[in-house]
N, C-alpha and C. Protein backbone atom coordinates (compact mmCIF):
# COMPACT_ATOMS: atom_id res chain seq x y z
N MET A 1 3.98 0.86 10.69
CA MET A 1 4.10 1.52 11.75
C MET A 1 3.13 2.33 12.30
N THR A 2 2.70 1.87 13.62
CA THR A 2 1.62 2.11 14.20
C THR A 2 1.66 3.11 15.32
N LEU A 3 0.64 3.97 15.88
CA LEU A 3 0.42 4.98 16.63
C LEU A 3 1.41 4.59 17.96
N GLU A 4 1.10 3.61 18.38
CA GLU A 4 2.12 2.82 19.59
C GLU A 4 3.47 2.99 19.49
N GLN A 5 3.53 2.36 18.42
CA GLN A 5 5.00 2.22 18.02
C GLN A 5 6.01 3.65 18.07
N LEU A 6 5.10 4.62 17.33
CA LEU A 6 5.38 6.00 17.42
C LEU A 6 6.04 6.67 18.61
N LYS A 7 4.53 6.09 19.42
CA LYS A 7 4.81 6.68 20.85
C LYS A 7 6.11 6.16 21.88
N LYS A 8 6.51 4.87 21.50
CA LYS A 8 7.58 3.96 22.08
C LYS A 8 9.16 4.82 21.62
N ILE A 9 8.81 4.69 20.64
CA ILE A 9 9.91 5.64 19.63
C ILE A 9 10.11 7.10 20.17
N LYS A 10 9.12 7.62 20.68
CA LYS A 10 9.14 9.08 21.08
C LYS A 10 9.95 8.98 22.26
N ILE A 11 9.30 7.83 23.12
CA ILE A 11 10.00 7.96 24.77
C ILE A 11 11.56 7.40 24.53
N GLU A 12 12.14 6.83 23.51
CA GLU A 12 13.57 6.58 23.44
C GLU A 12 14.12 8.08 23.34
N TYR A 13 13.57 8.84 22.38
CA TYR A 13 14.29 10.06 22.15
C TYR A 13 14.23 11.02 23.23
N MET A 14 13.02 10.87 23.77
CA MET A 14 13.05 11.48 25.35
C MET A 14 14.12 11.23 26.16
N LYS A 15 14.43 9.99 26.08
CA LYS A 15 15.50 9.42 26.82
C LYS A 15 17.07 9.81 27.00
N ALA A 16 16.95 10.17 25.11
CA ALA A 16 18.19 10.39 24.72
C ALA A 16 18.36 11.89 24.69
N ARG A 17 17.72 12.61 25.00
CA ARG A 17 17.37 13.82 25.25
C ARG A 17 17.28 14.89 24.21
N ASP A 18 17.08 13.98 22.93
CA ASP A 18 16.91 14.95 21.26
C ASP A 18 15.38 15.33 21.34
N THR A 19 15.70 16.59 21.89
CA THR A 19 14.60 17.91 21.81
C THR A 19 14.06 17.68 20.25
N GLN A 20 14.63 17.92 19.33
CA GLN A 20 14.04 17.84 17.86
C GLN A 20 13.19 17.04 17.12
N ALA A 21 13.65 15.54 17.81
CA ALA A 21 13.05 14.38 17.41
C ALA A 21 11.84 14.17 18.44
N VAL A 22 12.09 14.84 19.29
CA VAL A 22 10.75 14.76 20.37
C VAL A 22 9.57 15.62 19.64
N ILE A 23 9.95 16.94 19.50
CA ILE A 23 8.86 17.67 18.87
C ILE A 23 8.49 17.36 17.77
N ALA A 24 9.05 16.67 16.58
CA ALA A 24 8.74 16.02 15.51
C ALA A 24 7.84 14.86 15.58
N LEU A 25 8.10 14.23 16.46
CA LEU A 25 7.24 13.31 17.11
C LEU A 25 6.12 13.66 17.67
N ASN A 26 6.14 14.63 18.51
CA ASN A 26 4.95 14.82 19.46
C ASN A 26 3.87 15.61 18.21
N THR A 27 4.13 16.35 17.33
CA THR A 27 3.55 16.71 16.19
C THR A 27 2.66 15.68 15.65
N ALA A 28 3.54 14.54 15.06
CA ALA A 28 2.79 13.36 14.02
C ALA A 28 1.83 12.68 15.22
N ILE A 29 2.24 12.47 16.58
CA ILE A 29 1.27 11.70 17.26
C ILE A 29 -0.09 12.48 17.52
N SER A 30 0.21 13.88 17.98
CA SER A 30 -1.05 14.86 18.13
C SER A 30 -2.00 14.65 17.03
N ARG A 31 -1.19 14.89 15.91
CA ARG A 31 -2.20 14.74 14.46
C ARG A 31 -2.92 13.28 14.45
N LEU A 32 -2.09 12.07 14.72
CA LEU A 32 -2.73 11.06 14.64
C LEU A 32 -3.87 10.82 15.85
N MET A 33 -3.71 11.26 16.54
CA MET A 33 -4.47 10.76 17.96
C MET A 33 -6.00 11.68 17.80
N LEU A 34 -5.78 12.87 17.11
CA LEU A 34 -6.84 13.78 16.85
C LEU A 34 -7.79 12.62 15.53
N LEU A 35 -6.44 12.24 14.53
CA LEU A 35 -7.07 11.31 13.69
C LEU A 35 -8.14 10.25 14.15
N GLN A 36 -7.75 9.66 15.29
CA GLN A 36 -8.18 8.26 15.88
C GLN A 36 -9.43 8.66 16.36
N ILE A 37 -9.55 10.04 16.97
CA ILE A 37 -10.79 10.14 17.58
C ILE A 37 -11.67 10.13 16.53
N GLU A 38 -11.41 11.04 15.60
CA GLU A 38 -12.52 11.01 14.59
C GLU A 38 -12.91 9.96 13.84
N LYS A 39 -11.96 9.00 13.96
CA LYS A 39 -12.42 7.42 12.92
C LYS A 39 -13.12 6.95 14.28
N ARG A 40 -12.99 6.78 15.53
CA ARG A 40 -13.51 5.96 16.39
C ARG A 40 -15.02 6.44 16.44
N ALA A 41 -15.13 8.03 16.19
CA ALA A 41 -16.63 8.44 16.17
C ALA A 41 -17.45 7.72 14.92
N THR A 42 -16.90 7.33 14.09
CA THR A 42 -17.75 6.69 12.89
C THR A 42 -17.50 5.02 12.75
N GLY A 43 -16.44 4.70 14.09
CA GLY A 43 -16.72 3.08 14.18
C GLY A 43 -15.35 2.39 13.42
N GLU A 44 -14.59 3.26 13.14
CA GLU A 44 -13.45 3.08 12.43
C GLU A 44 -12.53 2.81 13.25
N GLU A 45 -11.28 2.08 12.80
CA GLU A 45 -9.91 2.08 13.40
C GLU A 45 -8.90 2.88 12.46
N LEU A 46 -7.51 3.29 13.41
CA LEU A 46 -6.49 3.99 12.78
C LEU A 46 -5.85 2.60 11.69
N THR A 47 -5.82 3.32 10.57
CA THR A 47 -4.68 2.04 9.83
C THR A 47 -3.30 2.60 9.54
N GLU A 48 -2.35 1.65 9.15
CA GLU A 48 -1.24 1.98 8.65
C GLU A 48 -1.14 3.11 7.90
N SER A 49 -2.28 2.94 6.65
CA SER A 49 -2.45 3.91 5.87
C SER A 49 -2.26 5.22 6.09
N ASP A 50 -3.04 5.45 7.11
CA ASP A 50 -3.42 6.71 7.90
C ASP A 50 -2.24 7.42 8.73
N VAL A 51 -1.74 6.59 9.50
CA VAL A 51 -0.43 6.68 10.07
C VAL A 51 0.25 7.46 9.05
N LEU A 52 0.87 6.54 7.83
CA LEU A 52 1.57 6.82 6.62
C LEU A 52 1.20 8.23 6.05
N SER A 53 0.13 8.65 5.64
CA SER A 53 -0.29 10.12 5.44
C SER A 53 0.20 11.24 5.97
N VAL A 54 -0.54 10.97 7.51
CA VAL A 54 -0.26 12.31 8.73
C VAL A 54 1.31 12.11 8.65
N LEU A 55 2.04 11.26 8.30
CA LEU A 55 3.58 11.41 8.56
C LEU A 55 4.04 12.31 7.36
N LYS A 56 3.47 11.98 6.23
CA LYS A 56 3.64 12.24 5.15
C LYS A 56 3.16 13.92 4.92
N LYS A 57 2.09 14.33 5.52
CA LYS A 57 1.67 15.55 5.88
C LYS A 57 2.51 16.50 6.82
N THR A 58 2.99 15.55 7.57
CA THR A 58 3.81 16.58 8.87
C THR A 58 5.09 16.95 8.08
N GLU A 59 5.63 15.89 7.53
CA GLU A 59 6.97 16.39 6.57
C GLU A 59 6.68 17.54 5.79
N LYS A 60 5.32 17.17 4.90
CA LYS A 60 5.25 18.26 3.85
C LYS A 60 4.95 19.79 4.83
N ASP A 61 4.49 19.64 5.71
CA ASP A 61 4.30 21.06 6.43
C ASP A 61 5.43 21.40 7.28
N LEU A 62 6.39 20.80 7.85
CA LEU A 62 7.53 21.19 8.21
C LEU A 62 8.35 21.50 6.92
N THR A 63 8.35 20.91 6.07
CA THR A 63 9.51 21.66 4.78
C THR A 63 8.74 22.99 4.34
N GLU A 64 7.52 23.30 4.39
CA GLU A 64 6.88 24.36 4.26
C GLU A 64 7.55 25.53 5.35
N GLU A 65 7.40 24.95 6.52
CA GLU A 65 7.78 26.11 7.45
C GLU A 65 9.44 26.43 7.09
N CYS A 66 9.94 25.37 6.88
CA CYS A 66 11.59 25.35 6.72
C CYS A 66 11.74 26.40 5.70
N GLU A 67 11.06 26.31 4.43
CA GLU A 67 11.05 27.42 3.72
C GLU A 67 11.07 28.63 3.62
N ALA A 68 9.88 28.86 4.72
CA ALA A 68 9.32 30.29 5.46
C ALA A 68 10.55 30.72 6.34
N PHE A 69 11.25 30.10 7.19
CA PHE A 69 12.21 30.48 8.05
C PHE A 69 13.59 30.54 6.90
N ALA A 70 13.54 29.93 5.95
CA ALA A 70 14.76 30.19 5.45
C ALA A 70 14.65 31.70 4.83
N VAL A 71 13.46 31.88 3.94
CA VAL A 71 13.18 33.17 3.42
C VAL A 71 13.56 34.38 4.50
N ALA A 72 12.88 33.98 5.60
CA ALA A 72 13.12 35.10 6.90
C ALA A 72 14.46 35.20 7.15
N LYS A 73 15.81 34.39 6.87
CA LYS A 73 16.79 34.35 7.21
C LYS A 73 16.96 34.08 8.56
N ARG A 74 16.23 32.83 9.37
CA ARG A 74 16.16 32.47 10.64
C ARG A 74 17.06 31.07 10.44
N GLU A 75 18.47 31.46 10.17
CA GLU A 75 19.23 29.94 10.21
C GLU A 75 19.28 29.08 10.90
N GLU A 76 18.92 29.59 12.60
CA GLU A 76 18.97 28.62 13.68
C GLU A 76 17.91 27.69 13.72
N THR A 77 16.72 28.39 13.28
CA THR A 77 15.33 27.37 13.31
C THR A 77 15.41 26.69 11.91
N VAL A 78 16.02 27.14 10.89
CA VAL A 78 16.00 26.19 9.85
C VAL A 78 16.43 25.06 10.04
N LYS A 79 18.08 25.01 10.70
CA LYS A 79 18.62 23.87 10.97
C LYS A 79 17.70 22.97 12.21
N GLU A 80 16.85 23.51 13.11
CA GLU A 80 16.15 22.78 13.85
C GLU A 80 15.35 22.17 13.17
N ILE A 81 14.43 22.86 12.43
CA ILE A 81 13.34 22.19 11.64
C ILE A 81 14.13 21.18 10.48
N LYS A 82 15.05 21.34 9.94
CA LYS A 82 15.85 20.50 9.07
C LYS A 82 15.91 18.87 9.86
N LYS A 83 16.21 18.97 11.22
CA LYS A 83 16.45 17.98 12.26
C LYS A 83 14.88 17.36 11.95
N GLN A 84 14.01 18.07 12.46
CA GLN A 84 12.66 17.32 12.52
C GLN A 84 12.31 16.38 11.49
N ILE A 85 12.53 17.35 10.30
CA ILE A 85 12.01 16.43 9.18
C ILE A 85 13.04 15.06 8.84
N GLU A 86 14.34 15.23 9.00
CA GLU A 86 14.88 14.05 9.00
C GLU A 86 14.16 12.56 9.89
N VAL A 87 13.72 13.36 10.97
CA VAL A 87 13.18 12.22 12.30
C VAL A 87 11.81 11.66 11.64
N ILE A 88 11.16 12.74 10.82
CA ILE A 88 9.97 12.12 10.23
C ILE A 88 10.17 11.04 9.00
N LYS A 89 11.20 11.44 8.38
CA LYS A 89 11.38 10.84 6.98
C LYS A 89 11.95 9.47 7.41
N GLN A 90 12.75 9.25 8.55
CA GLN A 90 13.13 8.03 8.50
C GLN A 90 11.88 6.83 9.07
N PHE A 91 10.83 7.53 9.19
CA PHE A 91 9.44 6.74 9.14
C PHE A 91 8.68 6.47 7.97
N LEU A 92 9.05 7.01 7.00
CA LEU A 92 8.63 6.99 6.00
C LEU A 92 8.87 5.83 4.81
N PRO A 93 7.80 5.24 4.12
CA PRO A 93 9.21 4.35 3.09
C PRO A 93 9.64 5.21 1.93
N LYS A 94 10.64 4.48 1.22
CA LYS A 94 11.49 5.20 -0.03
C LYS A 94 9.97 5.43 -0.84
N THR A 95 10.44 6.85 -1.57
CA THR A 95 9.28 6.98 -2.33
C THR A 95 10.10 6.41 -3.89
N MET A 96 9.01 6.12 -4.99
CA MET A 96 9.70 5.77 -5.91
C MET A 96 10.50 6.83 -6.93
N SER A 97 11.24 6.57 -7.86
CA SER A 97 12.03 7.50 -8.45
C SER A 97 10.88 7.86 -9.73
N GLU A 98 11.48 8.85 -10.54
CA GLU A 98 10.49 9.20 -11.62
C GLU A 98 10.73 8.12 -12.61
N GLN A 99 11.80 7.27 -12.83
CA GLN A 99 12.20 6.30 -14.02
C GLN A 99 11.06 5.24 -13.54
N GLU A 100 11.17 4.71 -12.28
CA GLU A 100 10.20 3.80 -11.68
C GLU A 100 8.88 4.04 -12.23
N ILE A 101 8.56 5.10 -11.84
CA ILE A 101 6.83 5.89 -12.05
C ILE A 101 6.74 5.57 -13.79
N LYS A 102 7.60 6.14 -14.55
CA LYS A 102 7.46 5.91 -15.99
C LYS A 102 7.62 4.45 -16.47
N ASN A 103 8.08 3.59 -15.75
CA ASN A 103 8.31 2.00 -16.05
C ASN A 103 6.47 1.48 -16.35
N ILE A 104 5.92 1.93 -14.91
CA ILE A 104 4.88 1.40 -14.67
C ILE A 104 4.01 2.06 -15.47
N ILE A 105 3.89 3.28 -15.66
CA ILE A 105 3.04 3.95 -16.83
C ILE A 105 2.88 3.45 -18.20
N LEU A 106 4.13 3.10 -18.59
CA LEU A 106 4.18 2.37 -20.16
C LEU A 106 3.94 1.08 -20.00
N GLN A 107 3.76 0.27 -18.79
CA GLN A 107 3.36 -1.08 -19.11
C GLN A 107 1.67 -0.86 -18.94
N LEU A 108 1.22 0.27 -18.55
CA LEU A 108 -0.57 0.44 -18.47
C LEU A 108 -1.00 0.14 -19.66
N PRO A 109 -2.22 -0.38 -19.79
CA PRO A 109 -2.71 -0.46 -21.18
C PRO A 109 -3.50 0.86 -21.60
N ASP A 110 -4.20 1.66 -20.15
CA ASP A 110 -4.77 2.85 -20.55
C ASP A 110 -3.82 3.55 -20.02
N LYS A 111 -3.42 4.89 -20.75
CA LYS A 111 -2.62 5.59 -20.08
C LYS A 111 -3.30 6.98 -20.02
N SER A 112 -4.51 7.12 -19.98
CA SER A 112 -5.40 8.41 -19.74
C SER A 112 -4.98 8.83 -18.21
N VAL A 113 -5.01 9.96 -18.20
CA VAL A 113 -4.80 10.83 -16.84
C VAL A 113 -5.41 10.29 -15.76
N PRO A 114 -6.87 10.14 -15.75
CA PRO A 114 -7.77 9.38 -14.56
C PRO A 114 -7.31 7.99 -14.27
N ALA A 115 -7.04 7.13 -15.47
CA ALA A 115 -6.94 5.77 -14.95
C ALA A 115 -5.33 5.54 -14.60
N VAL A 116 -4.45 6.25 -14.99
CA VAL A 116 -3.32 6.36 -14.14
C VAL A 116 -3.22 6.60 -12.59
N MET A 117 -3.73 7.77 -12.60
CA MET A 117 -3.78 8.31 -11.20
C MET A 117 -4.67 7.78 -10.22
N LYS A 118 -5.54 6.63 -10.65
CA LYS A 118 -6.11 5.94 -9.88
C LYS A 118 -5.35 4.71 -9.63
N LYS A 119 -4.45 4.56 -10.65
CA LYS A 119 -4.04 3.09 -10.32
C LYS A 119 -2.85 3.60 -9.48
N PHE A 120 -2.10 4.36 -9.31
CA PHE A 120 -1.10 4.77 -8.47
C PHE A 120 -1.59 5.10 -6.82
N LYS A 121 -2.82 5.82 -7.22
CA LYS A 121 -3.31 6.41 -5.54
C LYS A 121 -4.16 4.96 -4.91
N THR A 122 -4.23 3.80 -5.82
CA THR A 122 -4.73 3.04 -5.01
C THR A 122 -3.80 1.73 -4.91
N GLU A 123 -2.96 1.64 -5.65
CA GLU A 123 -1.96 0.52 -5.43
C GLU A 123 -0.45 1.01 -4.81
N TYR A 124 -0.10 2.24 -5.46
CA TYR A 124 1.17 2.71 -4.60
C TYR A 124 0.95 4.06 -3.76
N ASN A 125 -0.10 3.85 -3.00
CA ASN A 125 -0.31 5.19 -1.81
C ASN A 125 0.81 5.05 -1.03
N GLY A 126 1.28 6.40 -0.81
CA GLY A 126 2.51 6.38 0.24
C GLY A 126 3.98 6.06 -0.39
N LEU A 127 3.79 5.23 -1.56
CA LEU A 127 5.23 5.24 -2.24
C LEU A 127 5.73 6.10 -3.17
N VAL A 128 4.53 7.06 -3.69
CA VAL A 128 4.84 7.76 -5.00
C VAL A 128 4.43 9.58 -4.37
N ASP A 129 4.94 10.01 -4.75
CA ASP A 129 4.26 11.86 -4.91
C ASP A 129 3.71 11.79 -6.16
N MET A 130 2.34 11.89 -5.81
CA MET A 130 1.18 12.38 -7.01
C MET A 130 1.42 13.15 -7.67
N LYS A 131 2.02 14.23 -7.32
CA LYS A 131 2.84 15.31 -8.43
C LYS A 131 3.85 14.77 -9.37
N THR A 132 4.37 14.11 -8.59
CA THR A 132 5.83 13.55 -9.48
C THR A 132 4.95 12.49 -10.68
N VAL A 133 3.82 11.80 -10.11
CA VAL A 133 3.21 10.92 -11.26
C VAL A 133 2.57 11.89 -12.46
N SER A 134 2.13 12.95 -11.77
CA SER A 134 1.47 13.84 -13.04
C SER A 134 2.64 14.51 -13.97
N ASP A 135 3.65 14.84 -13.38
CA ASP A 135 4.89 15.31 -14.27
C ASP A 135 5.27 14.27 -15.13
N VAL A 136 5.49 13.20 -14.76
CA VAL A 136 6.01 12.14 -15.70
C VAL A 136 4.88 11.90 -16.73
N LEU A 137 3.55 11.57 -16.26
CA LEU A 137 2.80 11.23 -17.23
C LEU A 137 2.64 12.43 -18.43
N LYS A 138 2.77 13.85 -17.72
CA LYS A 138 2.76 14.88 -18.98
C LYS A 138 4.13 14.69 -19.84
N SER A 139 5.12 14.13 -19.35
CA SER A 139 6.36 14.51 -19.87
C SER A 139 6.06 12.97 -21.09
N LEU A 140 4.93 12.31 -20.96
CA LEU A 140 5.16 11.28 -21.88
C LEU A 140 4.40 11.60 -23.17
């Protein structure tokens, strides 16, 4: 997924008059454009990994926002934010299950925390939640 593809998808949602989807995509696109400006200043380009991490961050922020509105008993806003979360989730790859993570860890020769975390951070970035990896590792 690239920034340009997200912009095109946003236009489709605008044509369909899906306000919550447009709001969610505007948030992600704005963050990506800021990151792109920062990267260009250092001579780098925006990568798919960057796009993925911004989408994950956006999803996480929306989830936290949703929880806060749920505590405040603002059901209408909670529904809107859940719709935004679903829109963002459709652009994220499916995350690995705890069992899949456990199987990978068991196959590793070095099961120390730093080695395992480094392996997942480099090879499975975006496909796993690092907190889940940490929890699975502690349970072994």
